[in-house]
Amino acid sequence: MNTAREIRFDARELEHPKPLEEAVWHLRRLETGQYLHMIHRRCPYPLLEICDKNGYRYAVREIRTDLWHLFFTKDENLPLDELAREAGDV
């Protein structure tokens, strides 16, 4: 049973630099058992670099060229790859 708690952040309508700023805000507040599910119109590579430098795990799924699902956590027990595979056309 998956008891993880999702924090969903839809950044598709936000302009630069708001998606990055708000995603970092959410990441800093994640607790054990939580993950950030970000929906974006592109892959935010600077955010992935920040995650790499700060010990966050992530999984990315491109649904189409203008729809990306990204999942972030520090919790080693959360199945981010599985969540990414299940992400659909939202």
C-alpha atoms as a PDB file:
ATOM      1  CA  MET A   1       0.000   0.000   0.000  1.00  0.00           C
ATOM      2  CA  ASN A   2       1.387   3.387  -1.020  1.00  0.00           C
ATOM      3  CA  THR A   3       0.918   5.854   1.827  1.00  0.00           C
ATOM      4  CA  ALA A   4       3.041   8.608   0.263  1.00  0.00           C
ATOM      5  CA  ARG A   5       1.557  12.056   0.266  1.00  0.00           C
ATOM      6  CA  GLU A   6       1.617  14.008  -2.953  1.00  0.00           C
ATOM      7  CA  ILE A   7       2.221  17.742  -3.148  1.00  0.00           C
ATOM      8  CA  ARG A   8       0.968  18.677  -6.606  1.00  0.00           C
ATOM      9  CA  PHE A   9       2.304  21.786  -8.319  1.00  0.00           C
ATOM     10  CA  ASP A  10       1.018  22.709 -11.772  1.00  0.00           C
ATOM     11  CA  ALA A  11       3.486  25.177 -13.274  1.00  0.00           C
ATOM     12  CA  ARG A  12       2.203  25.130 -16.855  1.00  0.00           C
ATOM     13  CA  GLU A  13       0.734  28.637 -16.759  1.00  0.00           C
ATOM     14  CA  LEU A  14       3.569  30.298 -14.828  1.00  0.00           C
ATOM     15  CA  GLU A  15       6.269  32.411 -16.449  1.00  0.00           C
ATOM     16  CA  HIS A  16       9.989  32.249 -15.705  1.00  0.00           C
ATOM     17  CA  PRO A  17      11.303  32.333 -12.961  1.00  0.00           C
ATOM     18  CA  LYS A  18       8.150  31.438 -10.980  1.00  0.00           C
ATOM     19  CA  PRO A  19       8.153  27.662 -11.676  1.00  0.00           C
ATOM     20  CA  LEU A  20      11.708  27.301 -10.367  1.00  0.00           C
ATOM     21  CA  GLU A  21      11.144  29.551  -7.353  1.00  0.00           C
ATOM     22  CA  GLU A  22       7.933  27.822  -6.317  1.00  0.00           C
ATOM     23  CA  ALA A  23       9.324  24.332  -6.900  1.00  0.00           C
ATOM     24  CA  VAL A  24      12.314  25.093  -4.659  1.00  0.00           C
ATOM     25  CA  TRP A  25       9.932  26.478  -2.027  1.00  0.00           C
ATOM     26  CA  HIS A  26       7.961  23.204  -2.089  1.00  0.00           C
ATOM     27  CA  LEU A  27      11.102  21.049  -2.045  1.00  0.00           C
ATOM     28  CA  ARG A  28      12.398  22.734   1.083  1.00  0.00           C
ATOM     29  CA  ARG A  29       9.185  21.876   2.895  1.00  0.00           C
ATOM     30  CA  LEU A  30       8.924  18.203   1.925  1.00  0.00           C
ATOM     31  CA  GLU A  31       8.731  15.823   4.845  1.00  0.00           C
ATOM     32  CA  THR A  32       9.453  12.105   4.979  1.00  0.00           C
ATOM     33  CA  GLY A  33       6.720  10.293   3.074  1.00  0.00           C
ATOM     34  CA  GLN A  34       5.997  13.270   0.818  1.00  0.00           C
ATOM     35  CA  TYR A  35       6.891  13.940  -2.784  1.00  0.00           C
ATOM     36  CA  LEU A  36       6.468  16.879  -5.114  1.00  0.00           C
ATOM     37  CA  HIS A  37       4.596  16.156  -8.338  1.00  0.00           C
ATOM     38  CA  MET A  38       5.311  19.023 -10.700  1.00  0.00           C
ATOM     39  CA  ILE A  39       3.480  19.399 -13.994  1.00  0.00           C
ATOM     40  CA  HIS A  40       5.277  21.615 -16.479  1.00  0.00           C
ATOM     41  CA  ARG A  41       5.207  22.497 -20.163  1.00  0.00           C
ATOM     42  CA  ARG A  42       8.947  21.736 -20.490  1.00  0.00           C
ATOM     43  CA  CYS A  43      11.713  19.980 -18.607  1.00  0.00           C
ATOM     44  CA  PRO A  44      13.166  22.391 -16.002  1.00  0.00           C
ATOM     45  CA  TYR A  45      16.843  21.420 -16.269  1.00  0.00           C
ATOM     46  CA  PRO A  46      18.049  24.079 -13.785  1.00  0.00           C
ATOM     47  CA  LEU A  47      15.738  22.548 -11.176  1.00  0.00           C
ATOM     48  CA  LEU A  48      17.181  19.097 -11.845  1.00  0.00           C
ATOM     49  CA  GLU A  49      20.673  20.498 -11.316  1.00  0.00           C
ATOM     50  CA  ILE A  50      19.585  22.010  -7.987  1.00  0.00           C
ATOM     51  CA  CYS A  51      18.175  18.628  -6.977  1.00  0.00           C
ATOM     52  CA  ASP A  52      21.400  16.848  -7.918  1.00  0.00           C
ATOM     53  CA  LYS A  53      23.424  19.257  -5.785  1.00  0.00           C
ATOM     54  CA  ASN A  54      21.083  19.000  -2.788  1.00  0.00           C
ATOM     55  CA  GLY A  55      20.387  15.285  -2.525  1.00  0.00           C
ATOM     56  CA  TYR A  56      16.892  15.113  -3.988  1.00  0.00           C
ATOM     57  CA  ARG A  57      15.822  12.106  -6.004  1.00  0.00           C
ATOM     58  CA  TYR A  58      13.660  12.669  -9.055  1.00  0.00           C
ATOM     59  CA  ALA A  59      11.942  10.939 -11.936  1.00  0.00           C
ATOM     60  CA  VAL A  60      10.858  12.659 -15.128  1.00  0.00           C
ATOM     61  CA  ARG A  61       8.289  11.657 -17.717  1.00  0.00           C
ATOM     62  CA  GLU A  62       7.623  13.473 -20.963  1.00  0.00           C
ATOM     63  CA  ILE A  63       4.025  12.817 -22.009  1.00  0.00           C
ATOM     64  CA  ARG A  64       4.349  15.020 -25.100  1.00  0.00           C
ATOM     65  CA  THR A  65       6.598  17.937 -26.063  1.00  0.00           C
ATOM     66  CA  ASP A  66       4.522  20.407 -24.016  1.00  0.00           C
ATOM     67  CA  LEU A  67       3.603  18.203 -21.035  1.00  0.00           C
ATOM     68  CA  TRP A  68       6.082  16.921 -18.461  1.00  0.00           C
ATOM     69  CA  HIS A  69       5.490  15.212 -15.115  1.00  0.00           C
ATOM     70  CA  LEU A  70       8.309  15.456 -12.594  1.00  0.00           C
ATOM     71  CA  PHE A  71       8.475  13.769  -9.205  1.00  0.00           C
ATOM     72  CA  PHE A  72      10.856  14.830  -6.425  1.00  0.00           C
ATOM     73  CA  THR A  73      11.659  13.601  -2.918  1.00  0.00           C
ATOM     74  CA  LYS A  74      14.461  12.932  -0.451  1.00  0.00           C
ATOM     75  CA  ASP A  75      12.660   9.842   0.850  1.00  0.00           C
ATOM     76  CA  GLU A  76      14.578   6.765  -0.333  1.00  0.00           C
ATOM     77  CA  ASN A  77      11.500   4.556   0.043  1.00  0.00           C
ATOM     78  CA  LEU A  78       9.194   6.316  -2.394  1.00  0.00           C
ATOM     79  CA  PRO A  79       8.857   4.674  -5.844  1.00  0.00           C
ATOM     80  CA  LEU A  80       9.334   7.731  -8.037  1.00  0.00           C
ATOM     81  CA  ASP A  81       9.947   5.708 -11.202  1.00  0.00           C
ATOM     82  CA  GLU A  82       6.644   3.919 -10.683  1.00  0.00           C
ATOM     83  CA  LEU A  83       4.824   7.224 -10.116  1.00  0.00           C
ATOM     84  CA  ALA A  84       6.354   8.618 -13.301  1.00  0.00           C
ATOM     85  CA  ARG A  85       5.289   5.565 -15.325  1.00  0.00           C
ATOM     86  CA  GLU A  86       1.718   6.007 -14.088  1.00  0.00           C
ATOM     87  CA  ALA A  87       1.555   9.738 -14.890  1.00  0.00           C
ATOM     88  CA  GLY A  88      -0.973  10.486 -17.565  1.00  0.00           C
ATOM     89  CA  ASP A  89      -2.122  13.231 -19.851  1.00  0.00           C
ATOM     90  CA  VAL A  90      -3.322  15.831 -17.329  1.00  0.00           C
END
